[in-house]
C-alpha atoms as a PDB file:
ATOM      1  CA  UNK A   1      70.150  -7.637 229.898  1.00  0.00           C
ATOM      2  CA  UNK A   2      67.926 -10.392 228.525  1.00  0.00           C
ATOM      3  CA  UNK A   3      69.180 -13.138 226.200  1.00  0.00           C
ATOM      4  CA  UNK A   4      66.511 -15.178 224.399  1.00  0.00           C
ATOM      5  CA  UNK A   5      67.676 -18.534 223.067  1.00  0.00           C
ATOM      6  CA  UNK A   6      66.219 -20.012 219.917  1.00  0.00           C
ATOM      7  CA  UNK A   7      63.652 -22.820 220.225  1.00  0.00           C
ATOM      8  CA  UNK A   8      65.397 -26.174 220.356  1.00  0.00           C
ATOM      9  CA  UNK A   9      68.686 -24.867 221.755  1.00  0.00           C
ATOM     10  CA  UNK A  10      70.465 -27.808 223.395  1.00  0.00           C
ATOM     11  CA  UNK A  11      71.662 -28.043 226.984  1.00  0.00           C
ATOM     12  CA  UNK A  12      75.244 -27.868 225.701  1.00  0.00           C
ATOM     13  CA  UNK A  13      74.517 -24.652 223.784  1.00  0.00           C
ATOM     14  CA  UNK A  14      72.862 -23.209 226.878  1.00  0.00           C
ATOM     15  CA  UNK A  15      75.951 -23.990 228.991  1.00  0.00           C
ATOM     16  CA  UNK A  16      78.146 -22.304 226.374  1.00  0.00           C
ATOM     17  CA  UNK A  17      76.108 -19.112 226.692  1.00  0.00           C
ATOM     18  CA  UNK A  18      76.297 -19.324 230.506  1.00  0.00           C
ATOM     19  CA  UNK A  19      80.095 -19.519 230.339  1.00  0.00           C
ATOM     20  CA  UNK A  20      80.286 -16.545 227.997  1.00  0.00           C
ATOM     21  CA  UNK A  21      77.973 -14.473 230.217  1.00  0.00           C
ATOM     22  CA  UNK A  22      80.184 -15.271 233.210  1.00  0.00           C
ATOM     23  CA  UNK A  23      83.308 -14.419 231.204  1.00  0.00           C
ATOM     24  CA  UNK A  24      81.877 -11.007 230.354  1.00  0.00           C
ATOM     25  CA  UNK A  25      81.295 -10.299 234.057  1.00  0.00           C
ATOM     26  CA  UNK A  26      77.581 -10.996 234.459  1.00  0.00           C
ATOM     27  CA  UNK A  27      75.563 -13.557 236.405  1.00  0.00           C
ATOM     28  CA  UNK A  28      73.061 -15.629 234.363  1.00  0.00           C
ATOM     29  CA  UNK A  29      69.565 -16.462 235.646  1.00  0.00           C
ATOM     30  CA  UNK A  30      67.665 -18.807 233.299  1.00  0.00           C
ATOM     31  CA  UNK A  31      63.882 -19.006 232.939  1.00  0.00           C
ATOM     32  CA  UNK A  32      62.946 -22.215 231.143  1.00  0.00           C
ATOM     33  CA  UNK A  33      59.744 -21.963 229.137  1.00  0.00           C
ATOM     34  CA  UNK A  34      57.924 -24.581 227.100  1.00  0.00           C
ATOM     35  CA  UNK A  35      59.380 -23.475 223.751  1.00  0.00           C
ATOM     36  CA  UNK A  36      62.502 -21.502 224.614  1.00  0.00           C
ATOM     37  CA  UNK A  37      64.859 -20.434 227.377  1.00  0.00           C
ATOM     38  CA  UNK A  38      65.241 -16.816 228.484  1.00  0.00           C
ATOM     39  CA  UNK A  39      68.359 -15.778 230.414  1.00  0.00           C
ATOM     40  CA  UNK A  40      68.496 -12.689 232.586  1.00  0.00           C
ATOM     41  CA  UNK A  41      72.074 -11.420 232.844  1.00  0.00           C
ATOM     42  CA  UNK A  42      72.626  -9.363 235.992  1.00  0.00           C
ATOM     43  CA  UNK A  43      75.555  -6.987 236.198  1.00  0.00           C
ATOM     44  CA  UNK A  44      76.643  -3.379 235.888  1.00  0.00           C
ATOM     45  CA  UNK A  45      76.645  -2.498 232.194  1.00  0.00           C
ATOM     46  CA  UNK A  46      78.742   0.581 232.968  1.00  0.00           C
ATOM     47  CA  UNK A  47      81.738  -1.471 234.099  1.00  0.00           C
ATOM     48  CA  UNK A  48      81.381  -4.682 232.073  1.00  0.00           C
ATOM     49  CA  UNK A  49      81.533  -5.452 228.372  1.00  0.00           C
ATOM     50  CA  UNK A  50      78.304  -5.391 226.402  1.00  0.00           C
ATOM     51  CA  UNK A  51      76.385  -8.619 225.916  1.00  0.00           C
ATOM     52  CA  UNK A  52      75.037  -7.553 222.550  1.00  0.00           C
ATOM     53  CA  UNK A  53      77.842  -9.536 220.877  1.00  0.00           C
ATOM     54  CA  UNK A  54      75.905 -12.675 221.865  1.00  0.00           C
ATOM     55  CA  UNK A  55      73.564 -12.006 218.926  1.00  0.00           C
ATOM     56  CA  UNK A  56      76.294 -13.516 216.723  1.00  0.00           C
ATOM     57  CA  UNK A  57      75.974 -16.886 218.473  1.00  0.00           C
ATOM     58  CA  UNK A  58      73.861 -19.388 216.477  1.00  0.00           C
ATOM     59  CA  UNK A  59      71.704 -20.414 219.442  1.00  0.00           C
ATOM     60  CA  UNK A  60      70.761 -16.833 220.386  1.00  0.00           C
ATOM     61  CA  UNK A  61      67.534 -15.336 219.048  1.00  0.00           C
ATOM     62  CA  UNK A  62      67.857 -11.852 220.546  1.00  0.00           C
ATOM     63  CA  UNK A  63      69.538  -9.717 223.218  1.00  0.00           C
ATOM     64  CA  UNK A  64      67.560  -6.917 224.866  1.00  0.00           C
ATOM     65  CA  UNK A  65      68.270  -4.209 227.368  1.00  0.00           C
ATOM     66  CA  UNK A  66      65.933  -4.197 230.371  1.00  0.00           C
ATOM     67  CA  UNK A  67      64.729  -0.853 231.668  1.00  0.00           C
ATOM     68  CA  UNK A  68      62.857  -2.155 234.725  1.00  0.00           C
ATOM     69  CA  UNK A  69      64.624  -2.501 238.062  1.00  0.00           C
ATOM     70  CA  UNK A  70      62.898  -5.875 238.499  1.00  0.00           C
ATOM     71  CA  UNK A  71      64.641  -7.494 235.546  1.00  0.00           C
ATOM     72  CA  UNK A  72      63.634 -11.160 235.916  1.00  0.00           C
ATOM     73  CA  UNK A  73      60.101 -10.543 237.172  1.00  0.00           C
ATOM     74  CA  UNK A  74      59.375  -8.120 234.314  1.00  0.00           C
ATOM     75  CA  UNK A  75      57.541  -8.997 231.121  1.00  0.00           C
ATOM     76  CA  UNK A  76      60.509  -7.489 229.330  1.00  0.00           C
ATOM     77  CA  UNK A  77      62.402 -10.568 230.497  1.00  0.00           C
ATOM     78  CA  UNK A  78      59.681 -13.065 229.683  1.00  0.00           C
ATOM     79  CA  UNK A  79      56.859 -11.801 227.467  1.00  0.00           C
ATOM     80  CA  UNK A  80      54.811 -14.992 227.659  1.00  0.00           C
ATOM     81  CA  UNK A  81      52.780 -15.511 230.828  1.00  0.00           C
ATOM     82  CA  UNK A  82      54.401 -18.035 233.165  1.00  0.00           C
ATOM     83  CA  UNK A  83      52.504 -20.965 234.639  1.00  0.00           C
ATOM     84  CA  UNK A  84      53.560 -22.321 238.033  1.00  0.00           C
ATOM     85  CA  UNK A  85      53.017 -26.069 238.377  1.00  0.00           C
ATOM     86  CA  UNK A  86      52.239 -27.488 241.807  1.00  0.00           C
ATOM     87  CA  UNK A  87      51.347 -31.116 242.517  1.00  0.00           C
ATOM     88  CA  UNK A  88      49.718 -31.600 239.124  1.00  0.00           C
ATOM     89  CA  UNK A  89      47.983 -28.200 239.232  1.00  0.00           C
ATOM     90  CA  UNK A  90      48.690 -25.129 237.113  1.00  0.00           C
ATOM     91  CA  UNK A  91      48.557 -21.614 238.526  1.00  0.00           C
ATOM     92  CA  UNK A  92      48.463 -18.926 235.886  1.00  0.00           C
ATOM     93  CA  UNK A  93      46.681 -21.054 233.270  1.00  0.00           C
ATOM     94  CA  UNK A  94      43.016 -20.990 232.235  1.00  0.00           C
ATOM     95  CA  UNK A  95      41.782 -22.614 235.427  1.00  0.00           C
ATOM     96  CA  UNK A  96      41.341 -20.456 238.518  1.00  0.00           C
ATOM     97  CA  UNK A  97      42.658 -22.416 241.485  1.00  0.00           C
ATOM     98  CA  UNK A  98      41.087 -22.041 244.920  1.00  0.00           C
ATOM     99  CA  UNK A  99      43.188 -22.313 248.079  1.00  0.00           C
ATOM    100  CA  UNK A 100      41.012 -22.688 251.160  1.00  0.00           C
ATOM    101  CA  UNK A 101      41.325 -23.641 254.809  1.00  0.00           C
ATOM    102  CA  UNK A 102      41.626 -22.245 258.316  1.00  0.00           C
ATOM    103  CA  UNK A 103      43.698 -19.247 259.300  1.00  0.00           C
ATOM    104  CA  UNK A 104      45.401 -21.434 261.938  1.00  0.00           C
ATOM    105  CA  UNK A 105      45.720 -25.181 262.289  1.00  0.00           C
ATOM    106  CA  UNK A 106      44.133 -25.768 265.714  1.00  0.00           C
ATOM    107  CA  UNK A 107      43.824 -29.548 265.849  1.00  0.00           C
ATOM    108  CA  UNK A 108      43.215 -32.703 263.852  1.00  0.00           C
ATOM    109  CA  UNK A 109      39.404 -32.650 263.877  1.00  0.00           C
ATOM    110  CA  UNK A 110      39.178 -28.975 262.958  1.00  0.00           C
ATOM    111  CA  UNK A 111      41.655 -29.317 260.079  1.00  0.00           C
ATOM    112  CA  UNK A 112      40.364 -32.584 258.608  1.00  0.00           C
ATOM    113  CA  UNK A 113      36.758 -31.403 258.794  1.00  0.00           C
ATOM    114  CA  UNK A 114      37.684 -28.235 256.922  1.00  0.00           C
ATOM    115  CA  UNK A 115      39.926 -29.979 254.393  1.00  0.00           C
ATOM    116  CA  UNK A 116      37.262 -32.561 253.534  1.00  0.00           C
ATOM    117  CA  UNK A 117      34.606 -29.865 253.132  1.00  0.00           C
ATOM    118  CA  UNK A 118      36.629 -27.501 250.935  1.00  0.00           C
ATOM    119  CA  UNK A 119      37.816 -30.387 248.738  1.00  0.00           C
ATOM    120  CA  UNK A 120      34.216 -31.490 248.249  1.00  0.00           C
ATOM    121  CA  UNK A 121      33.238 -27.939 247.302  1.00  0.00           C
ATOM    122  CA  UNK A 122      35.969 -27.710 244.657  1.00  0.00           C
ATOM    123  CA  UNK A 123      39.080 -26.281 246.299  1.00  0.00           C
ATOM    124  CA  UNK A 124      42.347 -27.742 245.032  1.00  0.00           C
ATOM    125  CA  UNK A 125      44.822 -26.451 247.638  1.00  0.00           C
ATOM    126  CA  UNK A 126      44.574 -26.512 251.429  1.00  0.00           C
ATOM    127  CA  UNK A 127      45.740 -23.422 253.307  1.00  0.00           C
ATOM    128  CA  UNK A 128      46.516 -23.461 257.006  1.00  0.00           C
ATOM    129  CA  UNK A 129      48.920 -21.698 259.326  1.00  0.00           C
ATOM    130  CA  UNK A 130      51.266 -23.846 261.411  1.00  0.00           C
ATOM    131  CA  UNK A 131      53.375 -20.815 262.344  1.00  0.00           C
ATOM    132  CA  UNK A 132      51.397 -17.607 262.891  1.00  0.00           C
ATOM    133  CA  UNK A 133      52.754 -14.047 262.895  1.00  0.00           C
ATOM    134  CA  UNK A 134      50.647 -12.214 265.474  1.00  0.00           C
ATOM    135  CA  UNK A 135      50.695  -8.557 266.411  1.00  0.00           C
ATOM    136  CA  UNK A 136      50.640  -9.393 270.115  1.00  0.00           C
ATOM    137  CA  UNK A 137      53.121 -11.879 271.633  1.00  0.00           C
ATOM    138  CA  UNK A 138      50.275 -13.134 273.852  1.00  0.00           C
ATOM    139  CA  UNK A 139      48.102 -14.307 270.957  1.00  0.00           C
ATOM    140  CA  UNK A 140      48.131 -17.857 269.549  1.00  0.00           C
ATOM    141  CA  UNK A 141      51.359 -18.374 267.580  1.00  0.00           C
ATOM    142  CA  UNK A 142      50.519 -21.684 265.892  1.00  0.00           C
ATOM    143  CA  UNK A 143      51.177 -25.375 266.554  1.00  0.00           C
ATOM    144  CA  UNK A 144      54.510 -25.415 264.704  1.00  0.00           C
ATOM    145  CA  UNK A 145      55.761 -28.857 263.689  1.00  0.00           C
ATOM    146  CA  UNK A 146      52.593 -30.531 264.982  1.00  0.00           C
ATOM    147  CA  UNK A 147      50.568 -28.278 262.689  1.00  0.00           C
ATOM    148  CA  UNK A 148      52.760 -29.157 259.698  1.00  0.00           C
ATOM    149  CA  UNK A 149      52.266 -32.864 260.358  1.00  0.00           C
ATOM    150  CA  UNK A 150      48.500 -32.365 260.535  1.00  0.00           C
ATOM    151  CA  UNK A 151      48.580 -30.560 257.187  1.00  0.00           C
ATOM    152  CA  UNK A 152      50.490 -33.504 255.721  1.00  0.00           C
ATOM    153  CA  UNK A 153      47.860 -35.885 257.081  1.00  0.00           C
ATOM    154  CA  UNK A 154      45.083 -33.784 255.564  1.00  0.00           C
ATOM    155  CA  UNK A 155      46.891 -33.909 252.205  1.00  0.00           C
ATOM    156  CA  UNK A 156      47.070 -37.709 252.369  1.00  0.00           C
ATOM    157  CA  UNK A 157      43.378 -38.023 253.198  1.00  0.00           C
ATOM    158  CA  UNK A 158      41.993 -35.453 250.723  1.00  0.00           C
ATOM    159  CA  UNK A 159      44.539 -35.193 247.925  1.00  0.00           C
ATOM    160  CA  UNK A 160      44.751 -31.422 248.358  1.00  0.00           C
ATOM    161  CA  UNK A 161      48.101 -29.722 247.904  1.00  0.00           C
ATOM    162  CA  UNK A 162      49.272 -27.700 250.942  1.00  0.00           C
ATOM    163  CA  UNK A 163      50.267 -24.049 251.308  1.00  0.00           C
ATOM    164  CA  UNK A 164      51.559 -22.769 254.633  1.00  0.00           C
ATOM    165  CA  UNK A 165      53.559 -19.801 255.872  1.00  0.00           C
ATOM    166  CA  UNK A 166      57.281 -19.642 256.571  1.00  0.00           C
ATOM    167  CA  UNK A 167      58.260 -17.148 259.289  1.00  0.00           C
ATOM    168  CA  UNK A 168      61.896 -17.882 260.058  1.00  0.00           C
ATOM    169  CA  UNK A 169      64.998 -18.943 258.148  1.00  0.00           C
ATOM    170  CA  UNK A 170      65.649 -21.597 260.812  1.00  0.00           C
ATOM    171  CA  UNK A 171      62.376 -23.308 259.863  1.00  0.00           C
ATOM    172  CA  UNK A 172      62.945 -23.281 256.086  1.00  0.00           C
ATOM    173  CA  UNK A 173      63.855 -26.945 255.650  1.00  0.00           C
ATOM    174  CA  UNK A 174      61.129 -28.055 258.057  1.00  0.00           C
ATOM    175  CA  UNK A 175      58.372 -26.130 256.266  1.00  0.00           C
ATOM    176  CA  UNK A 176      59.659 -27.160 252.830  1.00  0.00           C
ATOM    177  CA  UNK A 177      59.446 -30.821 253.890  1.00  0.00           C
ATOM    178  CA  UNK A 178      55.700 -30.575 254.493  1.00  0.00           C
ATOM    179  CA  UNK A 179      54.506 -27.768 252.174  1.00  0.00           C
ATOM    180  CA  UNK A 180      53.786 -27.885 248.445  1.00  0.00           C
ATOM    181  CA  UNK A 181      53.783 -24.062 248.358  1.00  0.00           C
ATOM    182  CA  UNK A 182      55.672 -21.814 250.773  1.00  0.00           C
ATOM    183  CA  UNK A 183      53.873 -18.618 251.711  1.00  0.00           C
ATOM    184  CA  UNK A 184      55.795 -15.476 252.651  1.00  0.00           C
ATOM    185  CA  UNK A 185      53.407 -13.268 254.591  1.00  0.00           C
ATOM    186  CA  UNK A 186      52.873  -9.519 254.490  1.00  0.00           C
ATOM    187  CA  UNK A 187      55.043  -8.839 257.528  1.00  0.00           C
ATOM    188  CA  UNK A 188      57.992 -10.630 255.905  1.00  0.00           C
ATOM    189  CA  UNK A 189      57.509  -9.386 252.349  1.00  0.00           C
ATOM    190  CA  UNK A 190      60.769  -7.422 252.546  1.00  0.00           C
ATOM    191  CA  UNK A 191      62.657  -9.886 254.731  1.00  0.00           C
ATOM    192  CA  UNK A 192      65.077 -10.466 251.889  1.00  0.00           C
ATOM    193  CA  UNK A 193      67.189 -13.168 253.539  1.00  0.00           C
ATOM    194  CA  UNK A 194      64.007 -15.140 254.260  1.00  0.00           C
ATOM    195  CA  UNK A 195      62.972 -14.756 250.615  1.00  0.00           C
ATOM    196  CA  UNK A 196      66.339 -16.079 249.465  1.00  0.00           C
ATOM    197  CA  UNK A 197      66.184 -18.959 251.941  1.00  0.00           C
ATOM    198  CA  UNK A 198      62.691 -19.926 250.767  1.00  0.00           C
ATOM    199  CA  UNK A 199      63.671 -19.613 247.106  1.00  0.00           C
ATOM    200  CA  UNK A 200      66.587 -22.012 247.514  1.00  0.00           C
ATOM    201  CA  UNK A 201      64.192 -24.834 248.452  1.00  0.00           C
ATOM    202  CA  UNK A 202      62.973 -24.686 244.814  1.00  0.00           C
ATOM    203  CA  UNK A 203      59.428 -24.933 246.151  1.00  0.00           C
ATOM    204  CA  UNK A 204      56.788 -22.626 244.634  1.00  0.00           C
ATOM    205  CA  UNK A 205      56.659 -19.350 246.577  1.00  0.00           C
ATOM    206  CA  UNK A 206      53.561 -17.249 247.225  1.00  0.00           C
ATOM    207  CA  UNK A 207      54.655 -13.721 248.096  1.00  0.00           C
ATOM    208  CA  UNK A 208      52.055 -11.578 249.817  1.00  0.00           C
ATOM    209  CA  UNK A 209      52.105  -7.826 249.404  1.00  0.00           C
ATOM    210  CA  UNK A 210      53.449  -5.961 252.430  1.00  0.00           C
ATOM    211  CA  UNK A 211      51.210  -3.914 254.701  1.00  0.00           C
ATOM    212  CA  UNK A 212      52.256  -0.588 253.161  1.00  0.00           C
ATOM    213  CA  UNK A 213      54.113  -1.805 250.099  1.00  0.00           C
ATOM    214  CA  UNK A 214      54.142   0.013 246.789  1.00  0.00           C
ATOM    215  CA  UNK A 215      53.765  -2.237 243.749  1.00  0.00           C
ATOM    216  CA  UNK A 216      57.343  -1.612 242.593  1.00  0.00           C
ATOM    217  CA  UNK A 217      58.658  -2.655 246.024  1.00  0.00           C
ATOM    218  CA  UNK A 218      56.539  -5.801 245.838  1.00  0.00           C
ATOM    219  CA  UNK A 219      57.891  -6.683 242.402  1.00  0.00           C
ATOM    220  CA  UNK A 220      61.445  -6.031 243.563  1.00  0.00           C
ATOM    221  CA  UNK A 221      60.883  -8.363 246.525  1.00  0.00           C
ATOM    222  CA  UNK A 222      59.841 -10.995 244.010  1.00  0.00           C
ATOM    223  CA  UNK A 223      63.072 -10.334 242.134  1.00  0.00           C
ATOM    224  CA  UNK A 224      64.951 -11.763 245.133  1.00  0.00           C
ATOM    225  CA  UNK A 225      63.204 -15.091 244.561  1.00  0.00           C
ATOM    226  CA  UNK A 226      63.931 -15.282 240.838  1.00  0.00           C
ATOM    227  CA  UNK A 227      67.502 -14.015 241.202  1.00  0.00           C
ATOM    228  CA  UNK A 228      68.056 -16.869 243.680  1.00  0.00           C
ATOM    229  CA  UNK A 229      67.329 -19.374 240.932  1.00  0.00           C
ATOM    230  CA  UNK A 230      63.644 -20.049 241.624  1.00  0.00           C
ATOM    231  CA  UNK A 231      61.182 -18.974 238.910  1.00  0.00           C
ATOM    232  CA  UNK A 232      58.163 -20.593 240.621  1.00  0.00           C
ATOM    233  CA  UNK A 233      56.787 -17.403 242.136  1.00  0.00           C
ATOM    234  CA  UNK A 234      53.245 -16.096 242.642  1.00  0.00           C
ATOM    235  CA  UNK A 235      52.270 -12.646 243.865  1.00  0.00           C
ATOM    236  CA  UNK A 236      49.366 -12.363 246.340  1.00  0.00           C
ATOM    237  CA  UNK A 237      47.364  -9.170 246.856  1.00  0.00           C
ATOM    238  CA  UNK A 238      45.965  -9.208 250.418  1.00  0.00           C
ATOM    239  CA  UNK A 239      45.089  -5.603 251.077  1.00  0.00           C
ATOM    240  CA  UNK A 240      47.234  -2.706 252.203  1.00  0.00           C
ATOM    241  CA  UNK A 241      47.053  -0.357 255.186  1.00  0.00           C
ATOM    242  CA  UNK A 242      45.345   2.952 254.399  1.00  0.00           C
ATOM    243  CA  UNK A 243      43.484   5.627 256.364  1.00  0.00           C
ATOM    244  CA  UNK A 244      40.230   3.667 255.911  1.00  0.00           C
ATOM    245  CA  UNK A 245      39.155   1.769 259.044  1.00  0.00           C
ATOM    246  CA  UNK A 246      35.826   0.330 257.887  1.00  0.00           C
ATOM    247  CA  UNK A 247      37.636  -2.800 256.687  1.00  0.00           C
ATOM    248  CA  UNK A 248      40.718  -4.450 258.169  1.00  0.00           C
ATOM    249  CA  UNK A 249      42.769  -3.583 255.083  1.00  0.00           C
ATOM    250  CA  UNK A 250      42.071  -1.938 251.737  1.00  0.00           C
ATOM    251  CA  UNK A 251      41.970  -4.683 249.094  1.00  0.00           C
ATOM    252  CA  UNK A 252      43.659  -3.209 246.024  1.00  0.00           C
ATOM    253  CA  UNK A 253      42.081  -5.109 243.139  1.00  0.00           C
ATOM    254  CA  UNK A 254      43.664  -2.685 240.656  1.00  0.00           C
ATOM    255  CA  UNK A 255      46.977  -4.268 241.638  1.00  0.00           C
ATOM    256  CA  UNK A 256      45.920  -7.476 239.861  1.00  0.00           C
ATOM    257  CA  UNK A 257      45.896  -6.164 236.254  1.00  0.00           C
ATOM    258  CA  UNK A 258      48.854  -3.878 237.006  1.00  0.00           C
ATOM    259  CA  UNK A 259      51.058  -6.730 238.212  1.00  0.00           C
ATOM    260  CA  UNK A 260      49.884  -8.979 235.374  1.00  0.00           C
ATOM    261  CA  UNK A 261      50.867  -6.254 232.902  1.00  0.00           C
ATOM    262  CA  UNK A 262      54.238  -5.609 234.544  1.00  0.00           C
ATOM    263  CA  UNK A 263      55.111  -9.223 235.339  1.00  0.00           C
ATOM    264  CA  UNK A 264      54.790 -12.603 233.646  1.00  0.00           C
ATOM    265  CA  UNK A 265      54.004 -14.371 236.948  1.00  0.00           C
ATOM    266  CA  UNK A 266      50.632 -15.503 238.373  1.00  0.00           C
ATOM    267  CA  UNK A 267      48.645 -13.247 240.704  1.00  0.00           C
ATOM    268  CA  UNK A 268      46.562 -14.516 243.645  1.00  0.00           C
ATOM    269  CA  UNK A 269      44.036 -12.572 245.734  1.00  0.00           C
ATOM    270  CA  UNK A 270      43.381 -13.133 249.447  1.00  0.00           C
ATOM    271  CA  UNK A 271      39.945 -11.557 250.087  1.00  0.00           C
ATOM    272  CA  UNK A 272      39.804 -12.787 253.693  1.00  0.00           C
ATOM    273  CA  UNK A 273      42.809 -10.745 254.811  1.00  0.00           C
ATOM    274  CA  UNK A 274      41.901  -7.983 252.410  1.00  0.00           C
ATOM    275  CA  UNK A 275      38.469  -7.332 253.880  1.00  0.00           C
ATOM    276  CA  UNK A 276      38.849  -8.728 257.379  1.00  0.00           C
ATOM    277  CA  UNK A 277      35.102  -9.442 257.290  1.00  0.00           C
ATOM    278  CA  UNK A 278      33.439 -12.677 256.220  1.00  0.00           C
ATOM    279  CA  UNK A 279      30.405 -10.844 254.818  1.00  0.00           C
ATOM    280  CA  UNK A 280      32.599  -9.105 252.205  1.00  0.00           C
ATOM    281  CA  UNK A 281      34.560 -12.156 251.057  1.00  0.00           C
ATOM    282  CA  UNK A 282      32.063 -13.270 248.398  1.00  0.00           C
ATOM    283  CA  UNK A 283      31.948  -9.882 246.661  1.00  0.00           C
ATOM    284  CA  UNK A 284      35.721  -9.533 246.864  1.00  0.00           C
ATOM    285  CA  UNK A 285      36.202 -12.968 245.267  1.00  0.00           C
ATOM    286  CA  UNK A 286      33.898 -12.066 242.376  1.00  0.00           C
ATOM    287  CA  UNK A 287      35.744  -8.800 241.874  1.00  0.00           C
ATOM    288  CA  UNK A 288      39.094 -10.593 241.953  1.00  0.00           C
ATOM    289  CA  UNK A 289      37.967 -13.013 239.244  1.00  0.00           C
ATOM    290  CA  UNK A 290      36.729 -10.123 237.104  1.00  0.00           C
ATOM    291  CA  UNK A 291      40.058  -8.316 237.507  1.00  0.00           C
ATOM    292  CA  UNK A 292      42.047 -11.323 236.298  1.00  0.00           C
ATOM    293  CA  UNK A 293      43.186 -13.130 239.433  1.00  0.00           C
ATOM    294  CA  UNK A 294      44.680 -16.572 238.772  1.00  0.00           C
ATOM    295  CA  UNK A 295      43.749 -17.999 242.182  1.00  0.00           C
ATOM    296  CA  UNK A 296      41.882 -17.178 245.382  1.00  0.00           C
ATOM    297  CA  UNK A 297      43.152 -17.728 248.943  1.00  0.00           C
ATOM    298  CA  UNK A 298      40.131 -18.042 251.241  1.00  0.00           C
ATOM    299  CA  UNK A 299      39.943 -18.660 254.988  1.00  0.00           C
ATOM    300  CA  UNK A 300      37.413 -21.327 256.014  1.00  0.00           C
ATOM    301  CA  UNK A 301      36.650 -22.749 259.472  1.00  0.00           C
ATOM    302  CA  UNK A 302      34.073 -25.284 260.742  1.00  0.00           C
ATOM    303  CA  UNK A 303      32.984 -22.811 263.426  1.00  0.00           C
ATOM    304  CA  UNK A 304      34.385 -19.303 262.865  1.00  0.00           C
ATOM    305  CA  UNK A 305      33.010 -18.079 266.203  1.00  0.00           C
ATOM    306  CA  UNK A 306      35.363 -20.470 267.997  1.00  0.00           C
ATOM    307  CA  UNK A 307      38.413 -19.850 265.787  1.00  0.00           C
ATOM    308  CA  UNK A 308      41.676 -19.268 267.650  1.00  0.00           C
ATOM    309  CA  UNK A 309      42.618 -16.483 265.225  1.00  0.00           C
ATOM    310  CA  UNK A 310      40.805 -14.132 262.832  1.00  0.00           C
ATOM    311  CA  UNK A 311      37.371 -15.688 263.248  1.00  0.00           C
ATOM    312  CA  UNK A 312      35.605 -12.583 261.916  1.00  0.00           C
ATOM    313  CA  UNK A 313      37.002 -13.041 258.421  1.00  0.00           C
ATOM    314  CA  UNK A 314      36.607 -16.812 258.049  1.00  0.00           C
ATOM    315  CA  UNK A 315      33.751 -18.430 256.155  1.00  0.00           C
ATOM    316  CA  UNK A 316      31.931 -21.454 257.502  1.00  0.00           C
ATOM    317  CA  UNK A 317      32.137 -24.584 255.378  1.00  0.00           C
ATOM    318  CA  UNK A 318      28.541 -24.023 254.203  1.00  0.00           C
ATOM    319  CA  UNK A 319      29.273 -20.428 253.247  1.00  0.00           C
ATOM    320  CA  UNK A 320      32.314 -21.580 251.298  1.00  0.00           C
ATOM    321  CA  UNK A 321      30.303 -24.194 249.394  1.00  0.00           C
ATOM    322  CA  UNK A 322      27.749 -21.521 248.477  1.00  0.00           C
ATOM    323  CA  UNK A 323      30.497 -19.155 247.361  1.00  0.00           C
ATOM    324  CA  UNK A 324      31.971 -21.785 245.041  1.00  0.00           C
ATOM    325  CA  UNK A 325      28.570 -22.109 243.348  1.00  0.00           C
ATOM    326  CA  UNK A 326      28.172 -18.344 243.042  1.00  0.00           C
ATOM    327  CA  UNK A 327      31.607 -17.950 241.449  1.00  0.00           C
ATOM    328  CA  UNK A 328      30.852 -20.167 238.448  1.00  0.00           C
ATOM    329  CA  UNK A 329      29.121 -17.536 236.253  1.00  0.00           C
ATOM    330  CA  UNK A 330      31.816 -14.972 237.076  1.00  0.00           C
ATOM    331  CA  UNK A 331      34.540 -17.420 236.103  1.00  0.00           C
ATOM    332  CA  UNK A 332      32.720 -18.205 232.846  1.00  0.00           C
ATOM    333  CA  UNK A 333      32.271 -14.479 232.088  1.00  0.00           C
ATOM    334  CA  UNK A 334      36.020 -13.997 232.584  1.00  0.00           C
ATOM    335  CA  UNK A 335      36.624 -16.797 230.055  1.00  0.00           C
ATOM    336  CA  UNK A 336      38.316 -18.925 232.694  1.00  0.00           C
ATOM    337  CA  UNK A 337      37.645 -22.383 234.060  1.00  0.00           C
END
């Protein structure tokens, strides 16, 4: 069930409600908004006492039953759209944020060249893989800790926030030390213990959609993050596996308005993974903006032909700069910044 506290409820009043929820046999999960606090109470209503008696408490505005399986992610839990704050940036607000950088961190020159170029073009977040999930064990797996340190250096020199992927629970603390946003990739989208481990860092989490994941499964995966006490979650559409082989994946742009209607959390689109082809990235970005995406995750490399991974889908720095110019009228038409 969902308990909405009145605006101005004190921390003491909030703790009182927490204790009562626990006493009645439920586990409280708060979502703190600007004006009010919403508490998701998780438990089996068939075996525990009803929480509807909380409406008699002076600090409680309303108590609602939740019909969705993804209780905390759902707009039933939090009607107002959530904004995730990262290093002075807002994701889910009026401004569309752009995350850009190489698929893999290959070395200092490659990363700093890219970071400087994308920052100059208007990107606000640097993406780069230090740990890479590859289909073949013989393909480049990433630089690991060295790659994380290079990302940190790029942040110091450019001011860009950093997003990078977490692959293993044993690396959680290491990645959290260097990343501003932790990415959970498509192959790990239902690795629930990894989701919980990432959530406990309290870092913002970007959850990519799994290779063959239905939207409900994706939202339920996100529920693991929020139910672990971390409300700083973003969903990322990156294409799903279908029978179509003309593109690497099938980028499901319809998922953007669907998830924004079902959930209060920001939605990001990764057109590079979605298309698997650099020549389609520009059109996919424009479509993503039109469909309501809150941010774009774009792969950029100084020389895509020499990239150690996924060169075919990475833009050159000049192509990225041109794309940022082309996006401006689309962003304005969508009434975004």
